[in-house]
Amino acid sequence: MEIIKLHDDYIKLGQALKAAGLCESGVDAKYAIGDGLVQVNGEVEYQRGKKLHAGDLVNYRGETIRIEK
């Protein structure tokens, strides 16, 4: 499980995928999210700009990212 520490109140989904090293670029994140491959808190998410807050879990290709304050 990858952990991302927040420096602000939130991080956007596309940025979180890049920060965790699961997507190499914003374009890769855009297509992964648009293709329905990313889940936030168990639900498929299609918005690249979805704001993630402390406690959120992101799943992508068998990897999990946890957002922490």
N, C-alpha and C. Protein backbone atom coordinates (compact mmCIF):
# COMPACT_ATOMS: atom_id res chain seq x y z
N MET A 1 0.85 -1.18 0.00
CA MET A 1 0.00 0.00 0.00
C MET A 1 0.89 1.24 0.00
N GLU A 2 0.57 2.12 -0.90
CA GLU A 2 1.28 3.40 -1.01
C GLU A 2 0.54 4.43 -0.16
N ILE A 3 1.26 5.25 0.56
CA ILE A 3 0.65 6.29 1.39
C ILE A 3 1.07 7.65 0.86
N ILE A 4 0.09 8.52 0.68
CA ILE A 4 0.36 9.89 0.25
C ILE A 4 -0.04 10.82 1.38
N LYS A 5 0.90 11.62 1.83
CA LYS A 5 0.65 12.60 2.88
C LYS A 5 0.19 13.91 2.24
N LEU A 6 -0.89 14.45 2.74
CA LEU A 6 -1.42 15.71 2.22
C LEU A 6 -0.64 16.89 2.78
N HIS A 7 -0.35 17.84 1.90
CA HIS A 7 0.25 19.10 2.33
C HIS A 7 -0.81 20.19 2.38
N ASP A 8 -1.91 19.95 1.66
CA ASP A 8 -3.07 20.85 1.66
C ASP A 8 -4.27 20.06 2.17
N ASP A 9 -5.47 20.56 1.94
CA ASP A 9 -6.67 19.87 2.39
C ASP A 9 -7.02 18.67 1.52
N TYR A 10 -6.54 18.66 0.27
CA TYR A 10 -6.88 17.58 -0.65
C TYR A 10 -5.80 17.44 -1.73
N ILE A 11 -5.89 16.34 -2.47
CA ILE A 11 -5.09 16.13 -3.67
C ILE A 11 -6.04 15.59 -4.72
N LYS A 12 -5.84 15.98 -5.97
CA LYS A 12 -6.72 15.50 -7.03
C LYS A 12 -6.30 14.08 -7.44
N LEU A 13 -7.28 13.34 -7.91
CA LEU A 13 -7.07 11.93 -8.23
C LEU A 13 -5.93 11.70 -9.22
N GLY A 14 -5.89 12.46 -10.29
CA GLY A 14 -4.82 12.32 -11.28
C GLY A 14 -3.45 12.58 -10.67
N GLN A 15 -3.37 13.58 -9.81
CA GLN A 15 -2.11 13.91 -9.14
C GLN A 15 -1.69 12.79 -8.19
N ALA A 16 -2.66 12.18 -7.52
CA ALA A 16 -2.35 11.09 -6.58
C ALA A 16 -1.78 9.89 -7.32
N LEU A 17 -2.34 9.57 -8.47
CA LEU A 17 -1.84 8.44 -9.26
C LEU A 17 -0.40 8.69 -9.70
N LYS A 18 -0.11 9.92 -10.09
CA LYS A 18 1.26 10.26 -10.49
C LYS A 18 2.19 10.25 -9.28
N ALA A 19 1.75 10.83 -8.16
CA ALA A 19 2.59 10.90 -6.95
C ALA A 19 2.95 9.52 -6.43
N ALA A 20 2.04 8.57 -6.58
CA ALA A 20 2.28 7.21 -6.11
C ALA A 20 3.10 6.39 -7.11
N GLY A 21 3.36 6.98 -8.28
CA GLY A 21 4.15 6.28 -9.29
C GLY A 21 3.36 5.24 -10.07
N LEU A 22 2.04 5.28 -9.99
CA LEU A 22 1.21 4.31 -10.71
C LEU A 22 0.92 4.75 -12.14
N CYS A 23 1.05 6.03 -12.42
CA CYS A 23 0.92 6.58 -13.77
C CYS A 23 2.12 7.50 -14.00
N GLU A 24 2.70 7.41 -15.18
CA GLU A 24 3.89 8.21 -15.46
C GLU A 24 3.57 9.67 -15.78
N SER A 25 2.37 9.92 -16.29
CA SER A 25 2.03 11.29 -16.68
C SER A 25 0.55 11.54 -16.43
N GLY A 26 0.18 12.81 -16.55
CA GLY A 26 -1.22 13.18 -16.43
C GLY A 26 -2.07 12.56 -17.51
N VAL A 27 -1.48 12.38 -18.69
CA VAL A 27 -2.21 11.76 -19.81
C VAL A 27 -2.52 10.31 -19.48
N ASP A 28 -1.53 9.59 -18.93
CA ASP A 28 -1.76 8.19 -18.54
C ASP A 28 -2.87 8.11 -17.49
N ALA A 29 -2.83 9.02 -16.51
CA ALA A 29 -3.85 9.04 -15.46
C ALA A 29 -5.23 9.34 -16.06
N LYS A 30 -5.27 10.27 -16.99
CA LYS A 30 -6.53 10.65 -17.64
C LYS A 30 -7.18 9.44 -18.31
N TYR A 31 -6.40 8.67 -19.06
CA TYR A 31 -6.95 7.51 -19.75
C TYR A 31 -7.33 6.39 -18.79
N ALA A 32 -6.52 6.16 -17.75
CA ALA A 32 -6.84 5.12 -16.77
C ALA A 32 -8.17 5.43 -16.08
N ILE A 33 -8.34 6.69 -15.69
CA ILE A 33 -9.56 7.11 -15.01
C ILE A 33 -10.74 7.07 -15.99
N GLY A 34 -10.55 7.59 -17.18
CA GLY A 34 -11.61 7.61 -18.18
C GLY A 34 -12.07 6.23 -18.60
N ASP A 35 -11.16 5.26 -18.56
CA ASP A 35 -11.49 3.88 -18.93
C ASP A 35 -12.14 3.11 -17.79
N GLY A 36 -12.33 3.76 -16.64
CA GLY A 36 -13.00 3.11 -15.51
C GLY A 36 -12.13 2.13 -14.76
N LEU A 37 -10.81 2.32 -14.80
CA LEU A 37 -9.88 1.39 -14.15
C LEU A 37 -9.54 1.80 -12.72
N VAL A 38 -10.02 2.96 -12.28
CA VAL A 38 -9.64 3.49 -10.97
C VAL A 38 -10.87 3.53 -10.05
N GLN A 39 -10.68 3.05 -8.83
CA GLN A 39 -11.76 3.10 -7.83
C GLN A 39 -11.33 4.00 -6.68
N VAL A 40 -12.28 4.77 -6.18
CA VAL A 40 -12.09 5.59 -4.99
C VAL A 40 -13.09 5.11 -3.96
N ASN A 41 -12.59 4.64 -2.82
CA ASN A 41 -13.44 4.12 -1.75
C ASN A 41 -14.42 3.06 -2.26
N GLY A 42 -13.91 2.19 -3.16
CA GLY A 42 -14.70 1.07 -3.65
C GLY A 42 -15.63 1.35 -4.81
N GLU A 43 -15.68 2.60 -5.27
CA GLU A 43 -16.56 2.99 -6.37
C GLU A 43 -15.72 3.44 -7.56
N VAL A 44 -16.09 3.02 -8.77
CA VAL A 44 -15.38 3.46 -9.97
C VAL A 44 -15.53 4.98 -10.09
N GLU A 45 -14.41 5.64 -10.35
CA GLU A 45 -14.40 7.11 -10.45
C GLU A 45 -13.94 7.52 -11.84
N TYR A 46 -14.68 8.42 -12.48
CA TYR A 46 -14.37 8.88 -13.83
C TYR A 46 -13.87 10.31 -13.88
N GLN A 47 -13.78 11.00 -12.74
CA GLN A 47 -13.35 12.40 -12.72
C GLN A 47 -11.89 12.49 -12.31
N ARG A 48 -11.05 12.93 -13.23
CA ARG A 48 -9.62 13.07 -12.93
C ARG A 48 -9.39 14.12 -11.84
N GLY A 49 -10.25 15.11 -11.76
CA GLY A 49 -10.11 16.19 -10.79
C GLY A 49 -10.79 15.91 -9.45
N LYS A 50 -11.26 14.69 -9.25
CA LYS A 50 -11.91 14.32 -7.98
C LYS A 50 -10.97 14.65 -6.82
N LYS A 51 -11.49 15.38 -5.84
CA LYS A 51 -10.68 15.77 -4.68
C LYS A 51 -10.64 14.63 -3.68
N LEU A 52 -9.44 14.23 -3.31
CA LEU A 52 -9.24 13.17 -2.33
C LEU A 52 -8.83 13.80 -1.00
N HIS A 53 -9.42 13.31 0.06
CA HIS A 53 -9.15 13.83 1.40
C HIS A 53 -8.58 12.72 2.27
N ALA A 54 -8.09 13.08 3.44
CA ALA A 54 -7.54 12.10 4.37
C ALA A 54 -8.56 10.98 4.61
N GLY A 55 -8.08 9.75 4.56
CA GLY A 55 -8.93 8.59 4.77
C GLY A 55 -9.41 7.93 3.49
N ASP A 56 -9.28 8.61 2.35
CA ASP A 56 -9.71 8.02 1.08
C ASP A 56 -8.75 6.93 0.65
N LEU A 57 -9.32 5.91 -0.01
CA LEU A 57 -8.53 4.81 -0.58
C LEU A 57 -8.74 4.79 -2.08
N VAL A 58 -7.64 4.67 -2.82
CA VAL A 58 -7.68 4.60 -4.28
C VAL A 58 -7.12 3.25 -4.69
N ASN A 59 -7.83 2.54 -5.58
CA ASN A 59 -7.36 1.27 -6.10
C ASN A 59 -7.17 1.37 -7.61
N TYR A 60 -6.01 0.88 -8.06
CA TYR A 60 -5.71 0.89 -9.49
C TYR A 60 -4.76 -0.26 -9.79
N ARG A 61 -5.20 -1.16 -10.66
CA ARG A 61 -4.40 -2.32 -11.09
C ARG A 61 -3.82 -3.11 -9.92
N GLY A 62 -4.63 -3.37 -8.93
CA GLY A 62 -4.21 -4.18 -7.80
C GLY A 62 -3.38 -3.44 -6.75
N GLU A 63 -3.14 -2.17 -6.97
CA GLU A 63 -2.38 -1.36 -6.01
C GLU A 63 -3.36 -0.43 -5.26
N THR A 64 -3.05 -0.18 -4.01
CA THR A 64 -3.90 0.70 -3.19
C THR A 64 -3.09 1.90 -2.72
N ILE A 65 -3.71 3.05 -2.79
CA ILE A 65 -3.13 4.30 -2.28
C ILE A 65 -4.02 4.76 -1.13
N ARG A 66 -3.42 5.08 -0.01
CA ARG A 66 -4.17 5.65 1.12
C ARG A 66 -3.75 7.09 1.29
N ILE A 67 -4.75 7.97 1.43
CA ILE A 67 -4.48 9.39 1.60
C ILE A 67 -4.50 9.70 3.10
N GLU A 68 -3.44 10.34 3.57
CA GLU A 68 -3.33 10.69 4.99
C GLU A 68 -3.02 12.17 5.16
N LYS A 69 -3.42 12.70 6.30
CA LYS A 69 -3.14 14.11 6.64
C LYS A 69 -1.71 14.23 7.12
